Amino acid sequence: MDPILLLSQLLLFALSALGVASSDSMPGAGAGRLEHHLIRMGIALGITLVVSRLRPQWVAKGAKVFFLLAVLACIVVLFIGDGPGGVRRWINLPGSFDFQPSETMKLAVVLYLAAFFHNKPTDYPILGPVIAVSLGAGLVVIEPDFDTGLTVLFLAGFTLVMVGVPWRRLLAIGGTAWLLVLSFSGLYLERFKYVRERFENWLAYHKGDLSNLDALYQVSQGHKLMIKAGVFGQGAGAPMPHRLPEAHNDMVFASVVWAGGWLAGLMVMFAFWLILARGLQISSNTRSSSSVMAVGLTGYLALQAAVNIGVVIGFLPVSGSPLPMVSYGGSSMLVAGIAMGLLHALSREAALNRKDEAQAVPEKVKS
């Protein structure tokens, strides 16, 4: 296994346990979640180990089937799904496990793009991926999960840019998507007013309008905790002075900082920086679908981490996106485990490519 990726994953798991344990000390936290969370991390690590033994070419061949299954799951959740406030985001499975199809869609889009660009030039017409990504993101948006739908779109865009798709195609796709958004945005925002309210409240907060702090209660409470934490934190057993909604999940970064201080927060960002740097290096040392897959998987982990941390520190509107390998959510933890396993497999392929290239150089010199 890749030592840098493994170190990053274990570091994030350790900080995750610290954050969840800290959230259990919050007033009104209820039953402790740490034990269940440790089990989930163990399962995720086991999945990483198993997936790391796969060959990336096998994964690329099965990518379209996986994408269709993800689409089917996103359709099923619209009819039998559950969630807060009448939304349909989770499918309740036996064993108290709530499966969130939108998390698998992020991975499915990456694998679909990797399979599409197998032995195809980057200037190849990309109508198929545009339809697939639009379908996947659209199904997620109508759950409604507007933030995750945007994440899927940005992830696809990041992947296409990084693999070198010409800008004329990207601009044409972006213009078409923008027209579609404008066409349906009014109806959507009227139906799901919370999306517009989140953005408006975030803008008002940054303009200095503190008249509606209740709407940003979660962010403001997280800020208070992180400021009080100091450089080295208050320790995992230190009780939080006030309640922080979703302290174990979407706002777990604030819980990590409360327990481990600003230093722990920097360690979280450093771990994701290592994954980003190593993932892009792996992409540069692989070819065809493997290179696209490495870019997409790295983008998925790094982009979602950036969104989550950006929300917690107030740079972005509240989104509800979990922090990969740190948040309590089961679906996110398992999907991130799969993504890390695939990066390990791609790292092994990159090492073999470098070995073959090193052996080819002396032969060229002799000839």
Protein backbone atom coordinates (compact mmCIF):
# COMPACT_ATOMS: atom_id res chain seq x y z
CA MET A 1 0.00 0.00 0.00
CA ASP A 2 1.06 3.56 -0.60
CA PRO A 3 2.71 4.77 2.65
CA ILE A 4 1.74 8.44 2.18
CA LEU A 5 -1.91 7.64 1.51
CA LEU A 6 -2.04 5.16 4.38
CA LEU A 7 -0.47 7.65 6.78
CA SER A 8 -2.96 10.33 5.71
CA GLN A 9 -5.93 8.00 6.15
CA LEU A 10 -4.84 6.81 9.59
CA LEU A 11 -4.17 10.39 10.69
CA LEU A 12 -7.66 11.43 9.59
CA PHE A 13 -9.18 8.44 11.40
CA ALA A 14 -7.37 9.38 14.60
CA LEU A 15 -8.54 13.00 14.36
CA SER A 16 -12.03 11.77 13.53
CA ALA A 17 -12.15 9.69 16.71
CA LEU A 18 -10.97 12.76 18.63
CA GLY A 19 -13.70 14.92 17.13
CA VAL A 20 -16.54 12.43 17.66
CA ALA A 21 -15.42 11.76 21.24
CA SER A 22 -15.40 15.51 21.82
CA SER A 23 -18.91 15.88 20.39
CA ASP A 24 -20.15 13.30 22.90
CA SER A 25 -19.25 15.77 25.67
CA MET A 26 -21.57 18.42 24.24
CA PRO A 27 -24.59 19.42 26.35
CA GLY A 28 -27.58 17.29 25.33
CA ALA A 29 -25.47 15.01 23.13
CA GLY A 30 -27.33 11.90 24.29
CA ALA A 31 -25.89 8.42 23.81
CA GLY A 32 -22.21 8.23 22.93
CA ARG A 33 -21.38 7.64 19.27
CA LEU A 34 -17.68 6.88 19.54
CA GLU A 35 -18.04 3.09 19.76
CA HIS A 36 -20.18 2.89 16.64
CA HIS A 37 -17.87 5.30 14.87
CA LEU A 38 -14.80 3.19 15.63
CA ILE A 39 -16.57 0.17 14.14
CA ARG A 40 -17.38 2.15 10.99
CA MET A 41 -13.78 3.30 10.67
CA GLY A 42 -12.60 -0.29 11.04
CA ILE A 43 -14.98 -1.41 8.28
CA ALA A 44 -13.87 1.48 6.05
CA LEU A 45 -10.21 0.56 6.58
CA GLY A 46 -10.99 -3.07 5.77
CA ILE A 47 -12.74 -1.97 2.56
CA THR A 48 -9.69 0.12 1.67
CA LEU A 49 -7.42 -2.90 2.09
CA VAL A 50 -9.67 -5.13 -0.05
CA VAL A 51 -10.21 -2.56 -2.82
CA SER A 52 -6.48 -1.76 -2.93
CA ARG A 53 -5.86 -5.28 -4.29
CA LEU A 54 -8.08 -4.69 -7.35
CA ARG A 55 -6.68 -3.85 -10.75
CA PRO A 56 -7.78 -0.39 -11.94
CA GLN A 57 -8.57 -1.85 -15.39
CA TRP A 58 -11.17 -4.15 -13.82
CA VAL A 59 -12.75 -1.20 -12.06
CA ALA A 60 -12.89 0.83 -15.29
CA LYS A 61 -14.62 -2.05 -17.08
CA GLY A 62 -17.32 -2.21 -14.42
CA ALA A 63 -17.71 1.57 -14.11
CA LYS A 64 -20.79 1.90 -16.32
CA VAL A 65 -22.60 -0.83 -14.41
CA PHE A 66 -21.72 0.88 -11.14
CA PHE A 67 -22.99 4.18 -12.52
CA LEU A 68 -26.31 2.61 -13.54
CA LEU A 69 -26.68 1.10 -10.06
CA ALA A 70 -26.01 4.53 -8.51
CA VAL A 71 -28.65 6.07 -10.78
CA LEU A 72 -31.12 3.34 -9.81
CA ALA A 73 -30.43 3.96 -6.10
CA CYS A 74 -31.00 7.71 -6.58
CA ILE A 75 -34.34 6.95 -8.25
CA VAL A 76 -35.40 4.48 -5.54
CA VAL A 77 -34.64 6.97 -2.76
CA LEU A 78 -37.13 9.42 -4.31
CA PHE A 79 -39.92 6.94 -3.58
CA ILE A 80 -38.93 5.18 -0.35
CA GLY A 81 -36.28 7.49 1.06
CA ASP A 82 -36.29 9.22 4.42
CA GLY A 83 -34.75 12.38 5.83
CA PRO A 84 -35.36 15.54 7.86
CA GLY A 85 -38.16 17.94 6.95
CA GLY A 86 -39.77 15.66 4.39
CA VAL A 87 -36.73 15.35 2.12
CA ARG A 88 -35.74 11.94 0.74
CA ARG A 89 -32.01 11.30 1.06
CA TRP A 90 -31.50 8.02 2.92
CA ILE A 91 -32.67 4.46 2.46
CA ASN A 92 -33.14 2.73 5.80
CA LEU A 93 -31.41 -0.65 5.79
CA PRO A 94 -31.37 -3.41 8.44
CA GLY A 95 -28.91 -2.93 11.28
CA SER A 96 -29.67 0.76 11.81
CA PHE A 97 -27.63 1.70 8.74
CA ASP A 98 -28.89 4.57 6.58
CA PHE A 99 -27.61 4.36 3.01
CA GLN A 100 -27.23 7.69 1.19
CA PRO A 101 -27.21 7.14 -2.61
CA SER A 102 -25.94 10.65 -3.35
CA GLU A 103 -22.57 9.73 -1.80
CA THR A 104 -22.15 6.85 -4.26
CA MET A 105 -23.02 9.16 -7.16
CA LYS A 106 -19.82 11.16 -6.57
CA LEU A 107 -17.75 8.00 -6.96
CA ALA A 108 -19.89 6.73 -9.86
CA VAL A 109 -19.34 9.92 -11.89
CA VAL A 110 -15.56 9.69 -11.44
CA LEU A 111 -15.46 6.05 -12.52
CA TYR A 112 -17.75 6.72 -15.48
CA LEU A 113 -15.46 9.50 -16.74
CA ALA A 114 -12.43 7.24 -16.29
CA ALA A 115 -14.09 4.48 -18.33
CA PHE A 116 -15.18 6.93 -21.03
CA PHE A 117 -11.68 8.31 -21.63
CA HIS A 118 -10.09 4.87 -21.83
CA ASN A 119 -8.07 4.94 -25.09
CA LYS A 120 -9.86 8.12 -26.22
CA PRO A 121 -8.19 11.49 -26.85
CA THR A 122 -9.19 14.38 -24.60
CA ASP A 123 -10.59 16.21 -27.65
CA TYR A 124 -13.10 13.42 -28.23
CA PRO A 125 -16.78 14.59 -28.24
CA ILE A 126 -18.07 14.26 -24.67
CA LEU A 127 -21.84 14.25 -25.15
CA GLY A 128 -22.11 10.94 -23.27
CA PRO A 129 -20.38 12.20 -20.10
CA VAL A 130 -22.40 15.44 -20.21
CA ILE A 131 -25.66 13.50 -20.26
CA ALA A 132 -24.46 11.09 -17.56
CA VAL A 133 -23.21 13.82 -15.22
CA SER A 134 -26.35 15.91 -15.75
CA LEU A 135 -28.54 12.89 -14.99
CA GLY A 136 -26.61 12.02 -11.85
CA ALA A 137 -26.49 15.57 -10.52
CA GLY A 138 -30.12 16.20 -11.44
CA LEU A 139 -31.37 13.16 -9.51
CA VAL A 140 -29.44 14.30 -6.45
CA VAL A 141 -30.73 17.88 -6.70
CA ILE A 142 -34.39 16.84 -6.77
CA GLU A 143 -34.11 14.76 -3.55
CA PRO A 144 -33.57 17.69 -2.72
CA ASP A 145 -29.82 17.80 -2.04
CA PHE A 146 -28.76 20.95 -3.87
CA ASP A 147 -25.28 21.12 -2.34
CA THR A 148 -24.31 17.55 -3.22
CA GLY A 149 -25.67 18.02 -6.74
CA LEU A 150 -23.41 21.04 -7.20
CA THR A 151 -20.50 19.03 -5.79
CA VAL A 152 -21.07 16.34 -8.43
CA LEU A 153 -21.04 19.00 -11.17
CA PHE A 154 -17.90 20.70 -9.84
CA LEU A 155 -16.19 17.34 -9.42
CA ALA A 156 -16.93 16.42 -13.04
CA GLY A 157 -15.74 19.84 -14.18
CA PHE A 158 -12.54 19.56 -12.16
CA THR A 159 -11.82 16.14 -13.66
CA LEU A 160 -12.44 17.30 -17.23
CA VAL A 161 -10.20 20.34 -16.77
CA MET A 162 -7.38 18.33 -15.21
CA VAL A 163 -7.37 15.64 -17.92
CA GLY A 164 -7.06 18.34 -20.59
CA VAL A 165 -10.46 18.57 -22.29
CA PRO A 166 -10.28 21.63 -24.61
CA TRP A 167 -11.70 24.85 -23.22
CA ARG A 168 -14.03 25.35 -26.18
CA ARG A 169 -15.89 22.18 -25.18
CA LEU A 170 -15.89 23.10 -21.51
CA LEU A 171 -17.23 26.59 -22.21
CA ALA A 172 -19.97 25.18 -24.44
CA ILE A 173 -20.99 22.71 -21.73
CA GLY A 174 -20.83 25.37 -19.03
CA GLY A 175 -22.97 27.77 -21.06
CA THR A 176 -25.61 25.12 -21.70
CA ALA A 177 -25.68 24.12 -18.04
CA TRP A 178 -26.02 27.77 -16.97
CA LEU A 179 -29.01 28.28 -19.26
CA LEU A 180 -30.68 25.19 -17.81
CA VAL A 181 -30.01 26.40 -14.26
CA LEU A 182 -31.51 29.79 -15.01
CA SER A 183 -34.55 28.15 -16.58
CA PHE A 184 -35.43 26.05 -13.53
CA SER A 185 -33.87 28.00 -10.65
CA GLY A 186 -36.96 30.11 -9.95
CA LEU A 187 -39.27 27.11 -9.64
CA TYR A 188 -36.71 25.14 -7.62
CA LEU A 189 -35.96 27.94 -5.15
CA GLU A 190 -39.66 28.57 -4.67
CA ARG A 191 -40.26 24.89 -3.93
CA PHE A 192 -37.23 24.54 -1.64
CA LYS A 193 -36.86 27.92 0.02
CA TYR A 194 -34.20 26.76 2.47
CA VAL A 195 -31.59 26.78 -0.33
CA ARG A 196 -32.15 30.48 -1.05
CA GLU A 197 -32.40 31.34 2.65
CA ARG A 198 -29.04 29.70 3.42
CA PHE A 199 -27.31 31.76 0.77
CA GLU A 200 -29.05 35.01 1.69
CA ASN A 201 -28.28 34.57 5.40
CA TRP A 202 -24.64 33.81 4.62
CA LEU A 203 -24.35 36.99 2.53
CA ALA A 204 -26.03 39.06 5.25
CA TYR A 205 -23.66 37.65 7.88
CA HIS A 206 -20.60 38.66 5.85
CA LYS A 207 -22.04 42.11 5.24
CA GLY A 208 -22.25 42.65 9.00
CA ASP A 209 -26.02 42.16 9.29
CA LEU A 210 -26.41 40.33 12.63
CA SER A 211 -30.18 40.69 12.83
CA ASN A 212 -30.79 37.02 11.95
CA LEU A 213 -28.11 35.14 13.82
CA ASP A 214 -30.54 32.28 14.53
CA ALA A 215 -30.27 31.28 10.87
CA LEU A 216 -26.48 30.95 11.26
CA TYR A 217 -26.57 29.51 14.76
CA GLN A 218 -24.61 26.43 13.73
CA VAL A 219 -21.74 28.39 12.17
CA SER A 220 -21.58 31.02 14.91
CA GLN A 221 -21.45 28.34 17.63
CA GLY A 222 -18.70 26.54 15.75
CA HIS A 223 -16.70 29.77 15.53
CA LYS A 224 -16.99 30.27 19.30
CA LEU A 225 -15.68 26.78 19.99
CA MET A 226 -12.72 27.11 17.63
CA ILE A 227 -11.73 30.48 19.09
CA LYS A 228 -11.90 29.17 22.65
CA ALA A 229 -9.94 26.02 21.74
CA GLY A 230 -6.59 27.78 21.51
CA VAL A 231 -3.45 26.34 19.98
CA PHE A 232 -3.51 22.93 21.70
CA GLY A 233 -7.23 22.52 22.43
CA GLN A 234 -9.17 21.57 25.52
CA GLY A 235 -8.83 17.78 25.29
CA ALA A 236 -11.31 15.11 24.18
CA GLY A 237 -12.95 14.89 27.61
CA ALA A 238 -13.44 18.64 28.06
CA PRO A 239 -17.18 19.45 28.02
CA MET A 240 -18.28 21.87 25.32
CA PRO A 241 -19.64 25.12 26.80
CA HIS A 242 -22.66 25.15 24.50
CA ARG A 243 -24.56 23.04 22.00
CA LEU A 244 -23.26 22.68 18.43
CA PRO A 245 -25.73 21.05 15.98
CA GLU A 246 -24.18 18.19 13.97
CA ALA A 247 -20.99 18.42 16.03
CA HIS A 248 -20.21 14.78 15.13
CA ASN A 249 -21.05 15.06 11.45
CA ASP A 250 -21.11 18.19 9.25
CA MET A 251 -19.44 20.33 11.95
CA VAL A 252 -16.96 17.73 13.15
CA PHE A 253 -14.04 19.96 12.12
CA ALA A 254 -15.04 22.38 14.89
CA SER A 255 -15.16 19.46 17.35
CA VAL A 256 -11.68 18.35 16.30
CA VAL A 257 -10.36 21.88 16.83
CA TRP A 258 -12.09 22.15 20.23
CA ALA A 259 -10.40 18.96 21.43
CA GLY A 260 -7.02 19.25 19.69
CA GLY A 261 -6.71 22.97 19.10
CA TRP A 262 -5.74 24.90 16.03
CA LEU A 263 -2.85 22.47 15.62
CA ALA A 264 -5.32 19.59 15.13
CA GLY A 265 -7.22 21.64 12.54
CA LEU A 266 -3.99 22.24 10.63
CA MET A 267 -3.25 18.50 10.79
CA VAL A 268 -6.61 17.74 9.15
CA MET A 269 -5.83 20.16 6.31
CA PHE A 270 -2.27 18.79 6.03
CA ALA A 271 -3.60 15.23 5.66
CA PHE A 272 -5.89 16.27 2.80
CA TRP A 273 -3.05 18.23 1.22
CA LEU A 274 -0.96 15.03 1.26
CA ILE A 275 -3.80 13.12 -0.42
CA LEU A 276 -4.17 15.86 -3.05
CA ALA A 277 -0.43 16.04 -3.81
CA ARG A 278 0.02 12.26 -3.85
CA GLY A 279 -3.11 11.69 -5.94
CA LEU A 280 -2.02 14.16 -8.64
CA GLN A 281 1.45 12.60 -8.65
CA ILE A 282 -0.11 9.17 -9.17
CA SER A 283 -2.18 10.58 -12.03
CA SER A 284 0.94 11.92 -13.74
CA ASN A 285 2.54 8.45 -13.57
CA THR A 286 -0.42 6.50 -14.96
CA ARG A 287 -2.10 6.48 -18.35
CA SER A 288 -5.52 6.47 -19.96
CA SER A 289 -8.44 5.58 -17.65
CA SER A 290 -6.15 5.13 -14.64
CA SER A 291 -4.90 8.70 -14.89
CA VAL A 292 -8.45 10.07 -15.13
CA MET A 293 -9.53 7.89 -12.22
CA ALA A 294 -6.69 9.15 -10.03
CA VAL A 295 -7.57 12.77 -10.80
CA GLY A 296 -11.27 12.24 -10.11
CA LEU A 297 -10.81 10.33 -6.85
CA THR A 298 -8.32 12.90 -5.58
CA GLY A 299 -10.67 15.71 -6.58
CA TYR A 300 -13.59 14.03 -4.80
CA LEU A 301 -11.75 13.77 -1.47
CA ALA A 302 -10.01 17.16 -1.64
CA LEU A 303 -12.98 19.12 -3.00
CA GLN A 304 -15.44 17.77 -0.46
CA ALA A 305 -12.97 18.42 2.36
CA ALA A 306 -12.47 22.00 1.16
CA VAL A 307 -16.24 22.57 1.00
CA ASN A 308 -16.83 21.18 4.48
CA ILE A 309 -14.00 23.13 6.11
CA GLY A 310 -15.00 26.25 4.17
CA VAL A 311 -18.52 26.00 5.63
CA VAL A 312 -17.29 25.48 9.20
CA ILE A 313 -14.97 28.49 9.13
CA GLY A 314 -17.62 30.62 7.37
CA PHE A 315 -16.13 31.03 3.90
CA LEU A 316 -19.03 29.15 2.26
CA PRO A 317 -22.79 28.90 2.92
CA VAL A 318 -24.01 25.97 5.02
CA SER A 319 -24.10 22.92 2.75
CA GLY A 320 -24.43 19.77 4.82
CA SER A 321 -21.49 18.03 3.11
CA PRO A 322 -19.59 15.62 5.40
CA LEU A 323 -15.83 15.74 5.92
CA PRO A 324 -14.43 12.58 4.23
CA MET A 325 -13.00 10.02 6.67
CA VAL A 326 -13.69 12.35 9.60
CA SER A 327 -17.47 12.86 9.81
CA TYR A 328 -19.65 10.30 11.56
CA GLY A 329 -21.79 9.48 8.50
CA GLY A 330 -21.66 5.83 7.47
CA SER A 331 -22.18 6.20 3.70
CA SER A 332 -19.55 8.92 3.42
CA MET A 333 -17.06 6.89 5.45
CA LEU A 334 -17.52 3.76 3.33
CA VAL A 335 -17.38 5.59 -0.02
CA ALA A 336 -14.23 7.44 1.07
CA GLY A 337 -12.75 4.08 2.06
CA ILE A 338 -13.42 2.77 -1.46
CA ALA A 339 -11.86 5.89 -2.99
CA MET A 340 -8.73 5.51 -0.88
CA GLY A 341 -8.49 1.82 -1.79
CA LEU A 342 -8.62 2.67 -5.49
CA LEU A 343 -5.90 5.31 -5.03
CA HIS A 344 -3.72 2.65 -3.38
CA ALA A 345 -4.33 0.36 -6.38
CA LEU A 346 -3.48 3.18 -8.78
CA SER A 347 -0.31 3.93 -6.81
CA ARG A 348 0.79 0.33 -7.30
CA GLU A 349 0.15 0.64 -11.04
CA ALA A 350 2.14 3.90 -11.16
CA ALA A 351 5.07 2.16 -9.44
CA LEU A 352 4.97 -0.63 -12.05
CA ASN A 353 4.92 1.94 -14.86
CA ARG A 354 7.98 3.68 -13.44
CA LYS A 355 9.76 0.32 -13.14
CA ASP A 356 8.98 -0.56 -16.77
CA GLU A 357 10.20 2.84 -17.94
CA ALA A 358 13.43 2.46 -15.94
CA GLN A 359 14.07 -0.92 -17.54
CA ALA A 360 13.35 0.45 -21.02
CA VAL A 361 15.99 3.19 -20.77
CA PRO A 362 19.07 0.87 -20.75
CA GLU A 363 17.65 -1.05 -23.71
CA LYS A 364 17.33 2.17 -25.70
CA VAL A 365 20.91 3.10 -24.80
CA LYS A 366 22.22 -0.30 -25.98
CA SER A 367 20.36 -0.04 -29.27
